[in-house]
Amino acid sequence: MPDPQLPELTLDAPSPACWPEWAEDARLDDDLAASAYEGTPPSCRAALKTGLALAHMHFGQSPGCLREDRRDSHLGFWRHTASFPAPWSVLAFTPEYAAAARLTAACAPALLAGVPLVGAVCVGGAPHRAALVSLELSGVEDIFTLDEAGLCALLEECQPGPGRLVLLHGGELDNVARAARALGLPCYEERRAPVLVLPEPDAFDLDILAFAQGDALKQALEAARPAPPAAIYLRPEAARGHGSFSHVEALVLSPGCEGFWLHAGLTPGFFMVSRLAFGPLQPLSR
């Protein structure tokens, strides 16, 4: 039975979201995604499926909508908390973005959080084949091709809000990031390719890594390492102890994990909305 001293609260999840009607004209032809999927080697598709399974193991499944009421009779206050998935999320990237594992890693937390409406926008042209395969395997069906102004309009018109935005780019979408901040839209960015270290490239499937990481693999195979690594690829025996890299804070991956990735700080929690309400147990005298 509800506590008669607690007011009736309306902090539950908002009504379902939908894309603006005009966005349908920018929806990608399903045949392009199907063609990209069929033209991708089974080993690469299997690697992304492994990556999705690892993401599920790492994050677990979101509990969905949670509510909690707490009453502290000693202090004389009540607290109501509610958390639920954001109503929508947009993953935006450029036509050159070809890192299938990193795009999958951007999709997985939103899906595991239970965001009901997840869309992908390729800004300025058609998505790369690797990106289409990633979206297909991740289960993201709403794929649009828009220019920068169109994406900003989409973000502004999506209701209820705010949703969530993930940008995967190399600086080309900075104006979109600024627009998101102006809208009060939480935004996560991968603004440069991660630095990868492969001490023993022969231990890994480089074809899969090229599909998973795009141009980041080319940089990894060069001698120069201009920045601390975001990930180190090691044999299993070295991966557990990080070997000579034990002093480095980085994601460590062993053979078989070529299709897996984690974006630092991008978790299902980013895609959750939390609300708090407080009040006195007894009405204040006027």
C-alpha atoms as a PDB file:
ATOM      1  CA  MET A   1       0.000   0.000   0.000  1.00  0.00           C
ATOM      2  CA  PRO A   2       1.407   3.450  -0.871  1.00  0.00           C
ATOM      3  CA  ASP A   3       2.595   5.526   2.048  1.00  0.00           C
ATOM      4  CA  PRO A   4      -0.032   8.258   2.637  1.00  0.00           C
ATOM      5  CA  GLN A   5       2.741  10.681   3.567  1.00  0.00           C
ATOM      6  CA  LEU A   6       4.446  10.351   0.190  1.00  0.00           C
ATOM      7  CA  PRO A   7       3.067  12.397  -2.708  1.00  0.00           C
ATOM      8  CA  GLU A   8       2.095  10.691  -5.934  1.00  0.00           C
ATOM      9  CA  LEU A   9       5.152  11.009  -8.192  1.00  0.00           C
ATOM     10  CA  THR A  10       5.399  10.939 -11.971  1.00  0.00           C
ATOM     11  CA  LEU A  11       9.036  10.027 -12.581  1.00  0.00           C
ATOM     12  CA  ASP A  12       8.392   7.008 -14.760  1.00  0.00           C
ATOM     13  CA  ALA A  13       9.824   6.430 -18.228  1.00  0.00           C
ATOM     14  CA  PRO A  14       8.552   8.795 -20.947  1.00  0.00           C
ATOM     15  CA  SER A  15       6.276   7.766 -23.789  1.00  0.00           C
ATOM     16  CA  PRO A  16       7.829   5.909 -26.750  1.00  0.00           C
ATOM     17  CA  ALA A  17       9.941   7.892 -29.196  1.00  0.00           C
ATOM     18  CA  CYS A  18       9.888   7.841 -32.984  1.00  0.00           C
ATOM     19  CA  TRP A  19      11.929   9.367 -35.789  1.00  0.00           C
ATOM     20  CA  PRO A  20      10.595  12.437 -37.608  1.00  0.00           C
ATOM     21  CA  GLU A  21       8.499  11.486 -40.632  1.00  0.00           C
ATOM     22  CA  TRP A  22      10.848  13.249 -43.052  1.00  0.00           C
ATOM     23  CA  ALA A  23      13.734  10.985 -41.979  1.00  0.00           C
ATOM     24  CA  GLU A  24      12.128   8.121 -43.907  1.00  0.00           C
ATOM     25  CA  ASP A  25      13.297   9.747 -47.138  1.00  0.00           C
ATOM     26  CA  ALA A  26      16.895   9.356 -45.900  1.00  0.00           C
ATOM     27  CA  ARG A  27      16.561   5.719 -44.833  1.00  0.00           C
ATOM     28  CA  LEU A  28      19.237   3.477 -46.339  1.00  0.00           C
ATOM     29  CA  ASP A  29      18.139   0.835 -48.818  1.00  0.00           C
ATOM     30  CA  ASP A  30      18.039  -2.533 -47.033  1.00  0.00           C
ATOM     31  CA  ASP A  31      19.580  -4.178 -50.086  1.00  0.00           C
ATOM     32  CA  LEU A  32      22.865  -2.322 -49.471  1.00  0.00           C
ATOM     33  CA  ALA A  33      23.185  -3.795 -45.992  1.00  0.00           C
ATOM     34  CA  ALA A  34      22.279  -7.259 -47.247  1.00  0.00           C
ATOM     35  CA  SER A  35      24.850  -7.032 -50.043  1.00  0.00           C
ATOM     36  CA  ALA A  36      27.567  -5.893 -47.618  1.00  0.00           C
ATOM     37  CA  TYR A  37      26.749  -8.760 -45.273  1.00  0.00           C
ATOM     38  CA  GLU A  38      26.877 -11.385 -48.000  1.00  0.00           C
ATOM     39  CA  GLY A  39      30.118  -9.958 -49.369  1.00  0.00           C
ATOM     40  CA  THR A  40      31.924 -10.126 -46.024  1.00  0.00           C
ATOM     41  CA  PRO A  41      33.971 -13.258 -45.197  1.00  0.00           C
ATOM     42  CA  PRO A  42      32.272 -15.516 -42.634  1.00  0.00           C
ATOM     43  CA  SER A  43      35.342 -15.273 -40.396  1.00  0.00           C
ATOM     44  CA  CYS A  44      34.864 -11.506 -40.090  1.00  0.00           C
ATOM     45  CA  ARG A  45      31.170 -11.843 -39.339  1.00  0.00           C
ATOM     46  CA  ALA A  46      31.937 -14.502 -36.733  1.00  0.00           C
ATOM     47  CA  ALA A  47      34.507 -12.209 -35.105  1.00  0.00           C
ATOM     48  CA  LEU A  48      31.883  -9.482 -34.628  1.00  0.00           C
ATOM     49  CA  LYS A  49      29.444 -12.007 -33.164  1.00  0.00           C
ATOM     50  CA  THR A  50      32.161 -13.013 -30.709  1.00  0.00           C
ATOM     51  CA  GLY A  51      32.653  -9.344 -29.876  1.00  0.00           C
ATOM     52  CA  LEU A  52      28.948  -8.941 -29.147  1.00  0.00           C
ATOM     53  CA  ALA A  53      28.993 -12.023 -26.905  1.00  0.00           C
ATOM     54  CA  LEU A  54      31.979 -10.646 -24.991  1.00  0.00           C
ATOM     55  CA  ALA A  55      30.230  -7.292 -24.563  1.00  0.00           C
ATOM     56  CA  HIS A  56      27.194  -9.087 -23.143  1.00  0.00           C
ATOM     57  CA  MET A  57      29.421 -11.018 -20.740  1.00  0.00           C
ATOM     58  CA  HIS A  58      31.241  -7.864 -19.673  1.00  0.00           C
ATOM     59  CA  PHE A  59      28.267  -5.554 -19.172  1.00  0.00           C
ATOM     60  CA  GLY A  60      25.486  -8.009 -18.462  1.00  0.00           C
ATOM     61  CA  GLN A  61      21.849  -7.285 -19.211  1.00  0.00           C
ATOM     62  CA  SER A  62      20.305  -4.048 -18.001  1.00  0.00           C
ATOM     63  CA  PRO A  63      17.632  -4.422 -15.309  1.00  0.00           C
ATOM     64  CA  GLY A  64      15.410  -2.065 -17.287  1.00  0.00           C
ATOM     65  CA  CYS A  65      13.224   0.409 -15.401  1.00  0.00           C
ATOM     66  CA  LEU A  66      13.865   0.666 -11.664  1.00  0.00           C
ATOM     67  CA  ARG A  67      12.045   2.647  -8.985  1.00  0.00           C
ATOM     68  CA  GLU A  68      12.860   3.008  -5.323  1.00  0.00           C
ATOM     69  CA  ASP A  69      11.145   4.881  -2.510  1.00  0.00           C
ATOM     70  CA  ARG A  70      13.001   5.536   0.731  1.00  0.00           C
ATOM     71  CA  ARG A  71      11.611   7.101   3.889  1.00  0.00           C
ATOM     72  CA  ASP A  72      13.810   8.229   6.756  1.00  0.00           C
ATOM     73  CA  SER A  73      11.501   8.907   9.702  1.00  0.00           C
ATOM     74  CA  HIS A  74      14.429   9.911  11.903  1.00  0.00           C
ATOM     75  CA  LEU A  75      15.570  12.710   9.570  1.00  0.00           C
ATOM     76  CA  GLY A  76      12.054  13.415   8.348  1.00  0.00           C
ATOM     77  CA  PHE A  77      12.475  13.146   4.577  1.00  0.00           C
ATOM     78  CA  TRP A  78      11.520  10.886   1.684  1.00  0.00           C
ATOM     79  CA  ARG A  79      13.485  10.165  -1.487  1.00  0.00           C
ATOM     80  CA  HIS A  80      12.219   8.735  -4.752  1.00  0.00           C
ATOM     81  CA  THR A  81      14.614   7.436  -7.410  1.00  0.00           C
ATOM     82  CA  ALA A  82      13.837   6.191 -10.898  1.00  0.00           C
ATOM     83  CA  SER A  83      16.077   4.976 -13.690  1.00  0.00           C
ATOM     84  CA  PHE A  84      15.168   3.804 -17.157  1.00  0.00           C
ATOM     85  CA  PRO A  85      16.679   3.594 -20.641  1.00  0.00           C
ATOM     86  CA  ALA A  86      16.914   6.811 -22.633  1.00  0.00           C
ATOM     87  CA  PRO A  87      14.002   7.028 -25.104  1.00  0.00           C
ATOM     88  CA  TRP A  88      16.281   7.020 -28.161  1.00  0.00           C
ATOM     89  CA  SER A  89      19.896   6.990 -29.221  1.00  0.00           C
ATOM     90  CA  VAL A  90      21.722   8.007 -32.393  1.00  0.00           C
ATOM     91  CA  LEU A  91      25.091   6.638 -33.483  1.00  0.00           C
ATOM     92  CA  ALA A  92      26.628   8.987 -36.050  1.00  0.00           C
ATOM     93  CA  PHE A  93      29.742   8.394 -38.139  1.00  0.00           C
ATOM     94  CA  THR A  94      31.300   9.338 -41.465  1.00  0.00           C
ATOM     95  CA  PRO A  95      31.410   7.376 -44.746  1.00  0.00           C
ATOM     96  CA  GLU A  96      35.120   6.698 -44.160  1.00  0.00           C
ATOM     97  CA  TYR A  97      34.509   5.045 -40.796  1.00  0.00           C
ATOM     98  CA  ALA A  98      35.478   1.422 -41.385  1.00  0.00           C
ATOM     99  CA  ALA A  99      36.251   0.049 -37.909  1.00  0.00           C
ATOM    100  CA  ALA A 100      33.565  -2.620 -37.580  1.00  0.00           C
ATOM    101  CA  ALA A 101      34.523  -3.698 -34.047  1.00  0.00           C
ATOM    102  CA  ARG A 102      34.488  -0.141 -32.710  1.00  0.00           C
ATOM    103  CA  LEU A 103      31.103   0.605 -34.259  1.00  0.00           C
ATOM    104  CA  THR A 104      29.762  -2.620 -32.765  1.00  0.00           C
ATOM    105  CA  ALA A 105      31.199  -1.536 -29.405  1.00  0.00           C
ATOM    106  CA  ALA A 106      29.230   1.720 -29.706  1.00  0.00           C
ATOM    107  CA  CYS A 107      25.998  -0.131 -30.480  1.00  0.00           C
ATOM    108  CA  ALA A 108      26.218  -2.829 -27.803  1.00  0.00           C
ATOM    109  CA  PRO A 109      25.880  -0.686 -24.639  1.00  0.00           C
ATOM    110  CA  ALA A 110      22.789   1.079 -25.993  1.00  0.00           C
ATOM    111  CA  LEU A 111      21.161  -2.217 -26.884  1.00  0.00           C
ATOM    112  CA  LEU A 112      22.129  -3.839 -23.578  1.00  0.00           C
ATOM    113  CA  ALA A 113      20.721  -0.827 -21.720  1.00  0.00           C
ATOM    114  CA  GLY A 114      17.390  -1.479 -23.420  1.00  0.00           C
ATOM    115  CA  VAL A 115      17.132   1.771 -25.393  1.00  0.00           C
ATOM    116  CA  PRO A 116      13.926   1.188 -27.383  1.00  0.00           C
ATOM    117  CA  LEU A 117      14.871   3.243 -30.448  1.00  0.00           C
ATOM    118  CA  VAL A 118      18.452   3.059 -31.744  1.00  0.00           C
ATOM    119  CA  GLY A 119      19.352   4.641 -35.066  1.00  0.00           C
ATOM    120  CA  ALA A 120      22.531   5.054 -37.070  1.00  0.00           C
ATOM    121  CA  VAL A 121      23.321   8.071 -39.232  1.00  0.00           C
ATOM    122  CA  CYS A 122      26.116   8.170 -41.787  1.00  0.00           C
ATOM    123  CA  VAL A 123      26.874  11.842 -42.303  1.00  0.00           C
ATOM    124  CA  GLY A 124      27.697  12.924 -45.827  1.00  0.00           C
ATOM    125  CA  GLY A 125      27.318   9.726 -47.832  1.00  0.00           C
ATOM    126  CA  ALA A 126      26.765   5.978 -47.811  1.00  0.00           C
ATOM    127  CA  PRO A 127      28.278   3.905 -44.982  1.00  0.00           C
ATOM    128  CA  HIS A 128      31.387   1.790 -45.488  1.00  0.00           C
ATOM    129  CA  ARG A 129      30.719  -1.910 -46.041  1.00  0.00           C
ATOM    130  CA  ALA A 130      32.283  -2.800 -42.683  1.00  0.00           C
ATOM    131  CA  ALA A 131      29.970  -0.346 -40.913  1.00  0.00           C
ATOM    132  CA  LEU A 132      26.915  -1.887 -42.566  1.00  0.00           C
ATOM    133  CA  VAL A 133      27.920  -5.370 -41.460  1.00  0.00           C
ATOM    134  CA  SER A 134      28.449  -4.116 -37.917  1.00  0.00           C
ATOM    135  CA  LEU A 135      25.008  -2.518 -37.790  1.00  0.00           C
ATOM    136  CA  GLU A 136      23.400  -5.602 -39.311  1.00  0.00           C
ATOM    137  CA  LEU A 137      24.899  -7.932 -36.720  1.00  0.00           C
ATOM    138  CA  SER A 138      24.198  -5.501 -33.880  1.00  0.00           C
ATOM    139  CA  GLY A 139      20.519  -5.417 -34.801  1.00  0.00           C
ATOM    140  CA  VAL A 140      20.363  -1.708 -35.657  1.00  0.00           C
ATOM    141  CA  GLU A 141      17.759  -1.534 -38.405  1.00  0.00           C
ATOM    142  CA  ASP A 142      17.184   2.223 -38.637  1.00  0.00           C
ATOM    143  CA  ILE A 143      20.057   3.499 -40.797  1.00  0.00           C
ATOM    144  CA  PHE A 144      19.932   6.945 -42.384  1.00  0.00           C
ATOM    145  CA  THR A 145      22.203   8.993 -44.639  1.00  0.00           C
ATOM    146  CA  LEU A 146      22.009  12.697 -43.830  1.00  0.00           C
ATOM    147  CA  ASP A 147      24.160  15.760 -44.173  1.00  0.00           C
ATOM    148  CA  GLU A 148      25.327  17.619 -41.077  1.00  0.00           C
ATOM    149  CA  ALA A 149      22.327  19.943 -41.036  1.00  0.00           C
ATOM    150  CA  GLY A 150      19.965  16.991 -41.398  1.00  0.00           C
ATOM    151  CA  LEU A 151      21.533  15.183 -38.455  1.00  0.00           C
ATOM    152  CA  CYS A 152      21.267  18.289 -36.278  1.00  0.00           C
ATOM    153  CA  ALA A 153      17.602  18.651 -37.261  1.00  0.00           C
ATOM    154  CA  LEU A 154      16.994  14.997 -36.400  1.00  0.00           C
ATOM    155  CA  LEU A 155      18.548  15.450 -32.959  1.00  0.00           C
ATOM    156  CA  GLU A 156      16.498  18.580 -32.319  1.00  0.00           C
ATOM    157  CA  GLU A 157      13.188  17.102 -33.425  1.00  0.00           C
ATOM    158  CA  CYS A 158      13.395  13.692 -31.739  1.00  0.00           C
ATOM    159  CA  GLN A 159      11.008  13.634 -28.807  1.00  0.00           C
ATOM    160  CA  PRO A 160      10.781  12.923 -25.966  1.00  0.00           C
ATOM    161  CA  GLY A 161      14.261  13.972 -25.003  1.00  0.00           C
ATOM    162  CA  PRO A 162      16.963  14.150 -24.311  1.00  0.00           C
ATOM    163  CA  GLY A 163      18.139  10.940 -25.908  1.00  0.00           C
ATOM    164  CA  ARG A 164      21.777  10.006 -26.336  1.00  0.00           C
ATOM    165  CA  LEU A 165      24.319  10.678 -29.084  1.00  0.00           C
ATOM    166  CA  VAL A 166      27.509   8.808 -29.968  1.00  0.00           C
ATOM    167  CA  LEU A 167      29.864  10.378 -32.531  1.00  0.00           C
ATOM    168  CA  LEU A 168      32.568   8.335 -34.262  1.00  0.00           C
ATOM    169  CA  HIS A 169      34.761  10.642 -36.307  1.00  0.00           C
ATOM    170  CA  GLY A 170      38.086  12.396 -36.661  1.00  0.00           C
ATOM    171  CA  GLY A 171      36.925  15.964 -36.210  1.00  0.00           C
ATOM    172  CA  GLU A 172      34.507  16.112 -39.133  1.00  0.00           C
ATOM    173  CA  LEU A 173      31.475  16.134 -36.798  1.00  0.00           C
ATOM    174  CA  ASP A 174      32.656  18.817 -34.382  1.00  0.00           C
ATOM    175  CA  ASN A 175      29.756  21.069 -35.378  1.00  0.00           C
ATOM    176  CA  VAL A 176      27.335  18.288 -34.477  1.00  0.00           C
ATOM    177  CA  ALA A 177      28.996  17.915 -31.086  1.00  0.00           C
ATOM    178  CA  ARG A 178      28.571  21.648 -30.479  1.00  0.00           C
ATOM    179  CA  ALA A 179      24.916  21.454 -31.514  1.00  0.00           C
ATOM    180  CA  ALA A 180      24.386  18.538 -29.102  1.00  0.00           C
ATOM    181  CA  ARG A 181      25.837  20.555 -26.241  1.00  0.00           C
ATOM    182  CA  ALA A 182      23.531  23.448 -27.098  1.00  0.00           C
ATOM    183  CA  LEU A 183      20.565  21.058 -26.988  1.00  0.00           C
ATOM    184  CA  GLY A 184      21.664  19.598 -23.653  1.00  0.00           C
ATOM    185  CA  LEU A 185      22.023  16.215 -25.356  1.00  0.00           C
ATOM    186  CA  PRO A 186      24.497  13.851 -23.664  1.00  0.00           C
ATOM    187  CA  CYS A 187      27.182  13.027 -26.228  1.00  0.00           C
ATOM    188  CA  TYR A 188      30.027  10.520 -26.295  1.00  0.00           C
ATOM    189  CA  GLU A 189      32.809  10.967 -28.851  1.00  0.00           C
ATOM    190  CA  GLU A 190      35.536   8.852 -30.369  1.00  0.00           C
ATOM    191  CA  ARG A 191      37.399  11.701 -32.043  1.00  0.00           C
ATOM    192  CA  ARG A 192      40.518   9.853 -33.129  1.00  0.00           C
ATOM    193  CA  ALA A 193      41.458   6.279 -33.920  1.00  0.00           C
ATOM    194  CA  PRO A 194      42.892   4.406 -30.934  1.00  0.00           C
ATOM    195  CA  VAL A 195      46.563   3.526 -30.702  1.00  0.00           C
ATOM    196  CA  LEU A 196      47.018  -0.249 -30.936  1.00  0.00           C
ATOM    197  CA  VAL A 197      50.116  -2.278 -30.055  1.00  0.00           C
ATOM    198  CA  LEU A 198      50.820  -5.705 -31.587  1.00  0.00           C
ATOM    199  CA  PRO A 199      54.168  -7.040 -30.357  1.00  0.00           C
ATOM    200  CA  GLU A 200      53.547 -10.341 -32.189  1.00  0.00           C
ATOM    201  CA  PRO A 201      51.316  -9.719 -35.221  1.00  0.00           C
ATOM    202  CA  ASP A 202      51.673 -13.327 -36.392  1.00  0.00           C
ATOM    203  CA  ALA A 203      49.654 -14.482 -33.370  1.00  0.00           C
ATOM    204  CA  PHE A 204      46.537 -12.724 -34.688  1.00  0.00           C
ATOM    205  CA  ASP A 205      44.357 -12.860 -37.767  1.00  0.00           C
ATOM    206  CA  LEU A 206      45.369  -9.606 -39.437  1.00  0.00           C
ATOM    207  CA  ASP A 207      42.598  -9.799 -42.042  1.00  0.00           C
ATOM    208  CA  ILE A 208      40.013  -9.808 -39.270  1.00  0.00           C
ATOM    209  CA  LEU A 209      41.854  -7.066 -37.404  1.00  0.00           C
ATOM    210  CA  ALA A 210      41.881  -4.909 -40.537  1.00  0.00           C
ATOM    211  CA  PHE A 211      38.130  -5.387 -40.831  1.00  0.00           C
ATOM    212  CA  ALA A 212      37.633  -4.715 -37.113  1.00  0.00           C
ATOM    213  CA  GLN A 213      39.917  -1.716 -36.694  1.00  0.00           C
ATOM    214  CA  GLY A 214      40.242  -0.084 -40.121  1.00  0.00           C
ATOM    215  CA  ASP A 215      43.139   2.341 -40.475  1.00  0.00           C
ATOM    216  CA  ALA A 216      44.119   1.898 -36.815  1.00  0.00           C
ATOM    217  CA  LEU A 217      45.714  -1.427 -37.744  1.00  0.00           C
ATOM    218  CA  LYS A 218      47.955   0.214 -40.350  1.00  0.00           C
ATOM    219  CA  GLN A 219      49.260   2.592 -37.708  1.00  0.00           C
ATOM    220  CA  ALA A 220      49.767  -0.278 -35.276  1.00  0.00           C
ATOM    221  CA  LEU A 221      52.022  -2.106 -37.744  1.00  0.00           C
ATOM    222  CA  GLU A 222      54.262   0.934 -38.115  1.00  0.00           C
ATOM    223  CA  ALA A 223      57.233   1.424 -35.811  1.00  0.00           C
ATOM    224  CA  ALA A 224      56.201   4.815 -34.401  1.00  0.00           C
ATOM    225  CA  ARG A 225      53.893   4.889 -31.356  1.00  0.00           C
ATOM    226  CA  PRO A 226      53.100   8.563 -30.738  1.00  0.00           C
ATOM    227  CA  ALA A 227      50.732   8.037 -27.800  1.00  0.00           C
ATOM    228  CA  PRO A 228      49.987   5.557 -25.006  1.00  0.00           C
ATOM    229  CA  PRO A 229      48.149   2.529 -26.391  1.00  0.00           C
ATOM    230  CA  ALA A 230      44.423   2.087 -26.003  1.00  0.00           C
ATOM    231  CA  ALA A 231      44.771  -1.655 -26.582  1.00  0.00           C
ATOM    232  CA  ILE A 232      47.548  -4.233 -26.547  1.00  0.00           C
ATOM    233  CA  TYR A 233      47.211  -7.523 -28.430  1.00  0.00           C
ATOM    234  CA  LEU A 234      49.067 -10.349 -26.652  1.00  0.00           C
ATOM    235  CA  ARG A 235      49.189 -14.128 -26.583  1.00  0.00           C
ATOM    236  CA  PRO A 236      47.026 -15.640 -23.793  1.00  0.00           C
ATOM    237  CA  GLU A 237      49.953 -16.421 -21.503  1.00  0.00           C
ATOM    238  CA  ALA A 238      51.162 -12.825 -21.711  1.00  0.00           C
ATOM    239  CA  ALA A 239      47.683 -11.261 -21.710  1.00  0.00           C
ATOM    240  CA  ARG A 240      46.833 -12.467 -18.207  1.00  0.00           C
ATOM    241  CA  GLY A 241      49.842 -10.734 -16.704  1.00  0.00           C
ATOM    242  CA  HIS A 242      50.255  -8.096 -19.431  1.00  0.00           C
ATOM    243  CA  GLY A 243      53.889  -9.196 -19.700  1.00  0.00           C
ATOM    244  CA  SER A 244      56.244  -6.287 -20.210  1.00  0.00           C
ATOM    245  CA  PHE A 245      53.197  -3.980 -20.551  1.00  0.00           C
ATOM    246  CA  SER A 246      51.994  -4.523 -16.962  1.00  0.00           C
ATOM    247  CA  HIS A 247      52.547  -0.828 -16.202  1.00  0.00           C
ATOM    248  CA  VAL A 248      50.266   0.338 -19.031  1.00  0.00           C
ATOM    249  CA  GLU A 249      46.561   1.060 -18.538  1.00  0.00           C
ATOM    250  CA  ALA A 250      45.081  -0.413 -21.694  1.00  0.00           C
ATOM    251  CA  LEU A 251      42.606  -2.955 -22.950  1.00  0.00           C
ATOM    252  CA  VAL A 252      44.429  -6.275 -23.406  1.00  0.00           C
ATOM    253  CA  LEU A 253      43.120  -8.679 -26.033  1.00  0.00           C
ATOM    254  CA  SER A 254      44.260 -12.160 -26.934  1.00  0.00           C
ATOM    255  CA  PRO A 255      43.805 -14.152 -30.169  1.00  0.00           C
ATOM    256  CA  GLY A 256      40.144 -14.816 -30.873  1.00  0.00           C
ATOM    257  CA  CYS A 257      39.119 -11.381 -29.590  1.00  0.00           C
ATOM    258  CA  GLU A 258      39.964  -9.474 -32.776  1.00  0.00           C
ATOM    259  CA  GLY A 259      36.316  -8.473 -33.242  1.00  0.00           C
ATOM    260  CA  PHE A 260      35.882  -7.134 -29.704  1.00  0.00           C
ATOM    261  CA  TRP A 261      36.324  -3.575 -28.446  1.00  0.00           C
ATOM    262  CA  LEU A 262      35.445  -1.366 -25.501  1.00  0.00           C
ATOM    263  CA  HIS A 263      35.176   2.405 -25.722  1.00  0.00           C
ATOM    264  CA  ALA A 264      36.559   3.874 -22.496  1.00  0.00           C
ATOM    265  CA  GLY A 265      33.666   5.262 -20.470  1.00  0.00           C
ATOM    266  CA  LEU A 266      30.920   4.125 -22.837  1.00  0.00           C
ATOM    267  CA  THR A 267      28.779   1.737 -20.813  1.00  0.00           C
ATOM    268  CA  PRO A 268      25.063   0.912 -20.622  1.00  0.00           C
ATOM    269  CA  GLY A 269      24.922   3.473 -17.811  1.00  0.00           C
ATOM    270  CA  PHE A 270      25.516   6.267 -20.338  1.00  0.00           C
ATOM    271  CA  PHE A 271      22.230   5.311 -21.998  1.00  0.00           C
ATOM    272  CA  MET A 272      20.226   5.361 -18.765  1.00  0.00           C
ATOM    273  CA  VAL A 273      18.174   8.282 -17.430  1.00  0.00           C
ATOM    274  CA  SER A 274      18.180   8.791 -13.656  1.00  0.00           C
ATOM    275  CA  ARG A 275      15.786  11.001 -11.752  1.00  0.00           C
ATOM    276  CA  LEU A 276      15.600  11.991  -8.096  1.00  0.00           C
ATOM    277  CA  ALA A 277      12.862  13.607  -6.015  1.00  0.00           C
ATOM    278  CA  PHE A 278      13.022  14.669  -2.366  1.00  0.00           C
ATOM    279  CA  GLY A 279      10.592  16.046   0.159  1.00  0.00           C
ATOM    280  CA  PRO A 280       9.676  16.259   3.847  1.00  0.00           C
ATOM    281  CA  LEU A 281       7.568  13.520   5.394  1.00  0.00           C
ATOM    282  CA  GLN A 282       5.280  16.095   6.980  1.00  0.00           C
ATOM    283  CA  PRO A 283       3.938  19.039   4.984  1.00  0.00           C
ATOM    284  CA  LEU A 284       5.762  22.240   5.818  1.00  0.00           C
ATOM    285  CA  SER A 285       3.744  24.772   7.765  1.00  0.00           C
ATOM    286  CA  ARG A 286       2.998  27.939   5.841  1.00  0.00           C
END
